[in-house]
Amino acid sequence: MTISPNPVPYSNNPIPNCSLTNTWTYSQVLDNVGSAEITLSDRTDFMDGAVLSQRSGLGIVIPPGSKTTLTTRFCSASAAEHHTRTDFTGTDAKNNRINFRGPDVVLSKR
């Protein structure tokens, strides 16, 4: 997975379903460099070392040799620098379990 940009600049653009004014937006590019299709089913987002959110039933399918891009948004009551990470779990085409720890992302201070 690659993050663009990283560090992520402070944006202050509104995020749906978030009333907090300090916001950041970036892209996560998921690259399947393996030889089997993978399906990502679960996502865990961390902010400053704590679990922020967990989602399941994602159904993100990435064929071998392909990429998919996810837009990721964070909001906070604090305009200070933050550190985030997204982990994914799922399976490959042979039903082998996949556990992926995402890279550390820096959300720049205001």
N, C-alpha and C. Protein backbone atom coordinates (compact mmCIF):
# COMPACT_ATOMS: atom_id res chain seq x y z
N MET A 1 0.84 -1.17 0.00
CA MET A 1 0.00 0.00 0.00
C MET A 1 0.89 1.23 0.00
N THR A 2 0.51 2.19 -0.81
CA THR A 2 1.18 3.48 -0.77
C THR A 2 0.17 4.55 -0.38
N ILE A 3 0.67 5.60 0.24
CA ILE A 3 -0.15 6.71 0.71
C ILE A 3 0.24 7.95 -0.08
N SER A 4 -0.75 8.68 -0.54
CA SER A 4 -0.46 9.90 -1.28
C SER A 4 -1.43 11.00 -0.87
N PRO A 5 -0.93 12.12 -0.40
CA PRO A 5 0.46 12.38 -0.02
C PRO A 5 0.73 11.91 1.41
N ASN A 6 1.98 11.81 1.77
CA ASN A 6 2.38 11.49 3.15
C ASN A 6 3.70 12.19 3.43
N PRO A 7 3.73 13.20 4.27
CA PRO A 7 2.67 13.61 5.20
C PRO A 7 1.48 14.25 4.47
N VAL A 8 0.33 14.17 5.15
CA VAL A 8 -0.93 14.67 4.60
C VAL A 8 -1.13 16.10 5.09
N PRO A 9 -1.33 17.05 4.17
CA PRO A 9 -1.54 18.43 4.61
C PRO A 9 -2.91 18.61 5.28
N TYR A 10 -2.94 19.53 6.21
CA TYR A 10 -4.19 19.95 6.86
C TYR A 10 -5.09 20.55 5.78
N SER A 11 -6.40 20.22 5.79
CA SER A 11 -7.25 20.74 4.71
C SER A 11 -8.41 21.59 5.19
N ASN A 12 -9.04 21.24 6.29
CA ASN A 12 -10.22 21.96 6.80
C ASN A 12 -11.43 21.84 5.88
N ASN A 13 -11.40 20.94 4.89
CA ASN A 13 -12.58 20.71 4.04
C ASN A 13 -13.57 19.84 4.80
N PRO A 14 -14.85 20.17 4.72
CA PRO A 14 -15.86 19.39 5.45
C PRO A 14 -15.84 17.92 5.03
N ILE A 15 -16.10 17.06 6.01
CA ILE A 15 -16.20 15.63 5.79
C ILE A 15 -17.62 15.21 6.16
N PRO A 16 -18.31 14.47 5.27
CA PRO A 16 -19.67 14.02 5.60
C PRO A 16 -19.71 13.28 6.94
N ASN A 17 -20.75 13.53 7.70
CA ASN A 17 -21.00 12.88 8.99
C ASN A 17 -19.97 13.21 10.06
N CYS A 18 -19.25 14.32 9.90
CA CYS A 18 -18.29 14.76 10.92
C CYS A 18 -18.46 16.26 11.13
N SER A 19 -18.73 16.64 12.36
CA SER A 19 -18.92 18.06 12.67
C SER A 19 -17.62 18.74 13.10
N LEU A 20 -16.52 17.99 13.19
CA LEU A 20 -15.24 18.55 13.61
C LEU A 20 -14.60 19.31 12.44
N THR A 21 -13.96 20.42 12.74
CA THR A 21 -13.46 21.29 11.68
C THR A 21 -12.05 20.98 11.19
N ASN A 22 -11.30 20.19 11.92
CA ASN A 22 -9.93 19.87 11.51
C ASN A 22 -9.95 18.58 10.70
N THR A 23 -9.59 18.67 9.41
CA THR A 23 -9.75 17.51 8.52
C THR A 23 -8.51 17.30 7.66
N TRP A 24 -8.38 16.05 7.20
CA TRP A 24 -7.30 15.63 6.32
C TRP A 24 -7.87 14.59 5.36
N THR A 25 -7.40 14.61 4.11
CA THR A 25 -7.84 13.65 3.10
C THR A 25 -6.63 13.15 2.32
N TYR A 26 -6.57 11.83 2.10
CA TYR A 26 -5.47 11.26 1.33
C TYR A 26 -5.94 10.00 0.62
N SER A 27 -5.10 9.50 -0.27
CA SER A 27 -5.39 8.28 -1.03
C SER A 27 -4.56 7.12 -0.51
N GLN A 28 -5.20 5.97 -0.43
CA GLN A 28 -4.51 4.72 -0.13
C GLN A 28 -4.56 3.89 -1.40
N VAL A 29 -3.41 3.58 -1.97
CA VAL A 29 -3.35 2.77 -3.18
C VAL A 29 -2.98 1.35 -2.77
N LEU A 30 -3.93 0.43 -2.96
CA LEU A 30 -3.73 -0.97 -2.61
C LEU A 30 -3.29 -1.70 -3.87
N ASP A 31 -2.13 -2.35 -3.82
CA ASP A 31 -1.50 -2.96 -4.98
C ASP A 31 -1.35 -4.46 -4.74
N ASN A 32 -2.04 -5.26 -5.53
CA ASN A 32 -1.93 -6.71 -5.40
C ASN A 32 -0.80 -7.18 -6.31
N VAL A 33 0.37 -7.37 -5.73
CA VAL A 33 1.55 -7.81 -6.49
C VAL A 33 1.66 -9.33 -6.54
N GLY A 34 0.69 -10.02 -5.94
CA GLY A 34 0.70 -11.48 -5.93
C GLY A 34 0.09 -12.07 -7.18
N SER A 35 -0.05 -13.41 -7.19
CA SER A 35 -0.57 -14.12 -8.36
C SER A 35 -2.01 -14.59 -8.18
N ALA A 36 -2.64 -14.22 -7.06
CA ALA A 36 -4.02 -14.64 -6.79
C ALA A 36 -4.89 -13.43 -6.47
N GLU A 37 -6.14 -13.51 -6.85
CA GLU A 37 -7.10 -12.46 -6.49
C GLU A 37 -7.25 -12.40 -4.97
N ILE A 38 -7.35 -11.19 -4.43
CA ILE A 38 -7.59 -11.05 -3.00
C ILE A 38 -8.89 -10.29 -2.77
N THR A 39 -9.53 -10.60 -1.66
CA THR A 39 -10.73 -9.90 -1.24
C THR A 39 -10.51 -9.39 0.17
N LEU A 40 -10.55 -8.08 0.33
CA LEU A 40 -10.39 -7.46 1.65
C LEU A 40 -11.77 -7.28 2.26
N SER A 41 -11.95 -7.84 3.45
CA SER A 41 -13.27 -7.84 4.08
C SER A 41 -13.37 -6.90 5.28
N ASP A 42 -12.26 -6.67 5.97
CA ASP A 42 -12.30 -5.89 7.21
C ASP A 42 -11.23 -4.81 7.20
N ARG A 43 -11.56 -3.70 7.86
CA ARG A 43 -10.66 -2.55 7.92
C ARG A 43 -10.68 -2.02 9.35
N THR A 44 -9.49 -1.72 9.88
CA THR A 44 -9.37 -1.09 11.19
C THR A 44 -8.53 0.17 11.03
N ASP A 45 -9.10 1.31 11.43
CA ASP A 45 -8.39 2.58 11.38
C ASP A 45 -7.90 2.95 12.77
N PHE A 46 -6.66 3.41 12.84
CA PHE A 46 -6.03 3.83 14.08
C PHE A 46 -5.69 5.31 13.98
N MET A 47 -5.80 6.02 15.10
CA MET A 47 -5.36 7.41 15.17
C MET A 47 -4.62 7.59 16.48
N ASP A 48 -3.38 8.04 16.38
CA ASP A 48 -2.53 8.26 17.54
C ASP A 48 -2.44 7.03 18.43
N GLY A 49 -2.36 5.85 17.78
CA GLY A 49 -2.15 4.60 18.49
C GLY A 49 -3.39 3.90 19.01
N ALA A 50 -4.56 4.52 18.89
CA ALA A 50 -5.80 3.92 19.39
C ALA A 50 -6.72 3.55 18.22
N VAL A 51 -7.50 2.49 18.40
CA VAL A 51 -8.48 2.11 17.39
C VAL A 51 -9.52 3.21 17.29
N LEU A 52 -9.71 3.72 16.08
CA LEU A 52 -10.69 4.78 15.83
C LEU A 52 -11.99 4.21 15.28
N SER A 53 -11.86 3.26 14.33
CA SER A 53 -13.06 2.66 13.75
C SER A 53 -12.72 1.29 13.18
N GLN A 54 -13.76 0.45 13.08
CA GLN A 54 -13.63 -0.87 12.49
C GLN A 54 -14.83 -1.09 11.58
N ARG A 55 -14.56 -1.61 10.38
CA ARG A 55 -15.64 -1.90 9.43
C ARG A 55 -15.42 -3.30 8.86
N SER A 56 -16.52 -4.01 8.65
CA SER A 56 -16.43 -5.35 8.08
C SER A 56 -17.39 -5.44 6.88
N GLY A 57 -17.26 -6.54 6.16
CA GLY A 57 -18.11 -6.75 4.99
C GLY A 57 -17.78 -5.84 3.82
N LEU A 58 -16.51 -5.44 3.69
CA LEU A 58 -16.12 -4.49 2.66
C LEU A 58 -16.22 -5.05 1.24
N GLY A 59 -15.75 -6.26 1.03
CA GLY A 59 -15.81 -6.86 -0.30
C GLY A 59 -14.96 -6.16 -1.35
N ILE A 60 -13.78 -5.66 -0.97
CA ILE A 60 -12.88 -5.02 -1.92
C ILE A 60 -12.09 -6.12 -2.63
N VAL A 61 -12.36 -6.32 -3.92
CA VAL A 61 -11.71 -7.37 -4.70
C VAL A 61 -10.61 -6.74 -5.55
N ILE A 62 -9.39 -7.30 -5.44
CA ILE A 62 -8.27 -6.79 -6.23
C ILE A 62 -7.66 -7.97 -6.99
N PRO A 63 -7.81 -7.99 -8.31
CA PRO A 63 -7.22 -9.07 -9.11
C PRO A 63 -5.69 -9.02 -9.06
N PRO A 64 -5.03 -10.14 -9.36
CA PRO A 64 -3.57 -10.14 -9.36
C PRO A 64 -3.03 -9.11 -10.36
N GLY A 65 -1.99 -8.39 -9.94
CA GLY A 65 -1.38 -7.39 -10.80
C GLY A 65 -2.18 -6.10 -10.92
N SER A 66 -3.20 -5.94 -10.10
CA SER A 66 -4.06 -4.75 -10.17
C SER A 66 -3.94 -3.89 -8.92
N LYS A 67 -4.44 -2.67 -9.04
CA LYS A 67 -4.45 -1.72 -7.94
C LYS A 67 -5.86 -1.17 -7.77
N THR A 68 -6.16 -0.74 -6.56
CA THR A 68 -7.39 0.01 -6.31
C THR A 68 -7.04 1.15 -5.36
N THR A 69 -7.74 2.27 -5.52
CA THR A 69 -7.45 3.45 -4.71
C THR A 69 -8.64 3.77 -3.83
N LEU A 70 -8.37 3.96 -2.54
CA LEU A 70 -9.39 4.35 -1.58
C LEU A 70 -9.10 5.77 -1.10
N THR A 71 -10.12 6.60 -1.05
CA THR A 71 -9.99 7.93 -0.46
C THR A 71 -10.26 7.81 1.02
N THR A 72 -9.33 8.28 1.83
CA THR A 72 -9.44 8.18 3.28
C THR A 72 -9.49 9.57 3.88
N ARG A 73 -10.42 9.75 4.83
CA ARG A 73 -10.60 11.05 5.47
C ARG A 73 -10.56 10.88 6.99
N PHE A 74 -9.92 11.82 7.64
CA PHE A 74 -9.90 11.86 9.10
C PHE A 74 -10.32 13.25 9.54
N CYS A 75 -10.98 13.31 10.70
CA CYS A 75 -11.31 14.60 11.30
C CYS A 75 -10.99 14.50 12.79
N SER A 76 -10.72 15.66 13.38
CA SER A 76 -10.31 15.68 14.78
C SER A 76 -10.70 17.01 15.42
N ALA A 77 -10.88 16.99 16.72
CA ALA A 77 -11.12 18.22 17.47
C ALA A 77 -9.83 19.03 17.60
N SER A 78 -8.70 18.37 17.39
CA SER A 78 -7.39 19.01 17.55
C SER A 78 -6.72 19.21 16.19
N ALA A 79 -6.15 20.39 15.97
CA ALA A 79 -5.42 20.69 14.73
C ALA A 79 -3.95 20.29 14.83
N ALA A 80 -3.57 19.58 15.89
CA ALA A 80 -2.18 19.14 16.08
C ALA A 80 -1.83 18.03 15.09
N GLU A 81 -0.55 17.73 14.97
CA GLU A 81 -0.11 16.61 14.15
C GLU A 81 -0.68 15.32 14.73
N HIS A 82 -1.13 14.43 13.85
CA HIS A 82 -1.64 13.12 14.25
C HIS A 82 -0.94 12.05 13.43
N HIS A 83 -1.02 10.81 13.95
CA HIS A 83 -0.46 9.66 13.25
C HIS A 83 -1.57 8.63 13.09
N THR A 84 -1.76 8.17 11.85
CA THR A 84 -2.83 7.22 11.55
C THR A 84 -2.27 5.99 10.86
N ARG A 85 -3.10 4.96 10.79
CA ARG A 85 -2.76 3.73 10.09
C ARG A 85 -4.05 2.99 9.79
N THR A 86 -4.07 2.28 8.69
CA THR A 86 -5.21 1.44 8.35
C THR A 86 -4.72 0.02 8.11
N ASP A 87 -5.31 -0.94 8.80
CA ASP A 87 -5.00 -2.35 8.61
C ASP A 87 -6.18 -3.03 7.91
N PHE A 88 -5.88 -4.02 7.07
CA PHE A 88 -6.91 -4.76 6.36
C PHE A 88 -6.74 -6.25 6.61
N THR A 89 -7.85 -6.98 6.60
CA THR A 89 -7.82 -8.44 6.61
C THR A 89 -8.76 -8.93 5.51
N GLY A 90 -8.53 -10.14 5.08
CA GLY A 90 -9.36 -10.73 4.03
C GLY A 90 -8.86 -12.10 3.67
N THR A 91 -9.11 -12.51 2.42
CA THR A 91 -8.70 -13.83 1.95
C THR A 91 -8.21 -13.72 0.51
N ASP A 92 -7.42 -14.74 0.10
CA ASP A 92 -7.04 -14.83 -1.30
C ASP A 92 -7.97 -15.81 -2.00
N ALA A 93 -7.72 -16.05 -3.28
CA ALA A 93 -8.59 -16.91 -4.08
C ALA A 93 -8.64 -18.35 -3.57
N LYS A 94 -7.63 -18.77 -2.79
CA LYS A 94 -7.60 -20.12 -2.23
C LYS A 94 -8.10 -20.13 -0.79
N ASN A 95 -8.72 -19.03 -0.37
CA ASN A 95 -9.30 -18.89 0.97
C ASN A 95 -8.25 -18.83 2.08
N ASN A 96 -7.01 -18.47 1.73
CA ASN A 96 -5.97 -18.24 2.74
C ASN A 96 -6.22 -16.87 3.35
N ARG A 97 -6.05 -16.78 4.66
CA ARG A 97 -6.26 -15.53 5.38
C ARG A 97 -5.15 -14.52 5.07
N ILE A 98 -5.53 -13.26 4.89
CA ILE A 98 -4.59 -12.17 4.65
C ILE A 98 -4.72 -11.18 5.79
N ASN A 99 -3.60 -10.82 6.38
CA ASN A 99 -3.55 -9.77 7.39
C ASN A 99 -2.53 -8.75 6.93
N PHE A 100 -2.97 -7.51 6.72
CA PHE A 100 -2.06 -6.49 6.21
C PHE A 100 -2.04 -5.29 7.14
N ARG A 101 -0.85 -4.94 7.60
CA ARG A 101 -0.66 -3.75 8.42
C ARG A 101 -0.24 -2.61 7.51
N GLY A 102 -1.02 -1.56 7.48
CA GLY A 102 -0.73 -0.41 6.64
C GLY A 102 0.42 0.42 7.15
N PRO A 103 0.94 1.30 6.29
CA PRO A 103 2.04 2.17 6.71
C PRO A 103 1.56 3.28 7.64
N ASP A 104 2.48 3.82 8.39
CA ASP A 104 2.16 4.97 9.25
C ASP A 104 1.98 6.21 8.38
N VAL A 105 0.96 6.99 8.72
CA VAL A 105 0.62 8.21 7.96
C VAL A 105 0.68 9.38 8.92
N VAL A 106 1.31 10.45 8.50
CA VAL A 106 1.39 11.67 9.32
C VAL A 106 0.37 12.67 8.80
N LEU A 107 -0.53 13.11 9.70
CA LEU A 107 -1.47 14.18 9.39
C LEU A 107 -0.85 15.47 9.93
N SER A 108 -0.49 16.36 9.03
CA SER A 108 0.23 17.57 9.42
C SER A 108 -0.62 18.50 10.26
N LYS A 109 0.05 19.20 11.18
CA LYS A 109 -0.65 20.15 12.03
C LYS A 109 -1.11 21.35 11.19
N ARG A 110 -2.06 22.07 11.74
CA ARG A 110 -2.60 23.25 11.06
C ARG A 110 -1.56 24.31 10.86
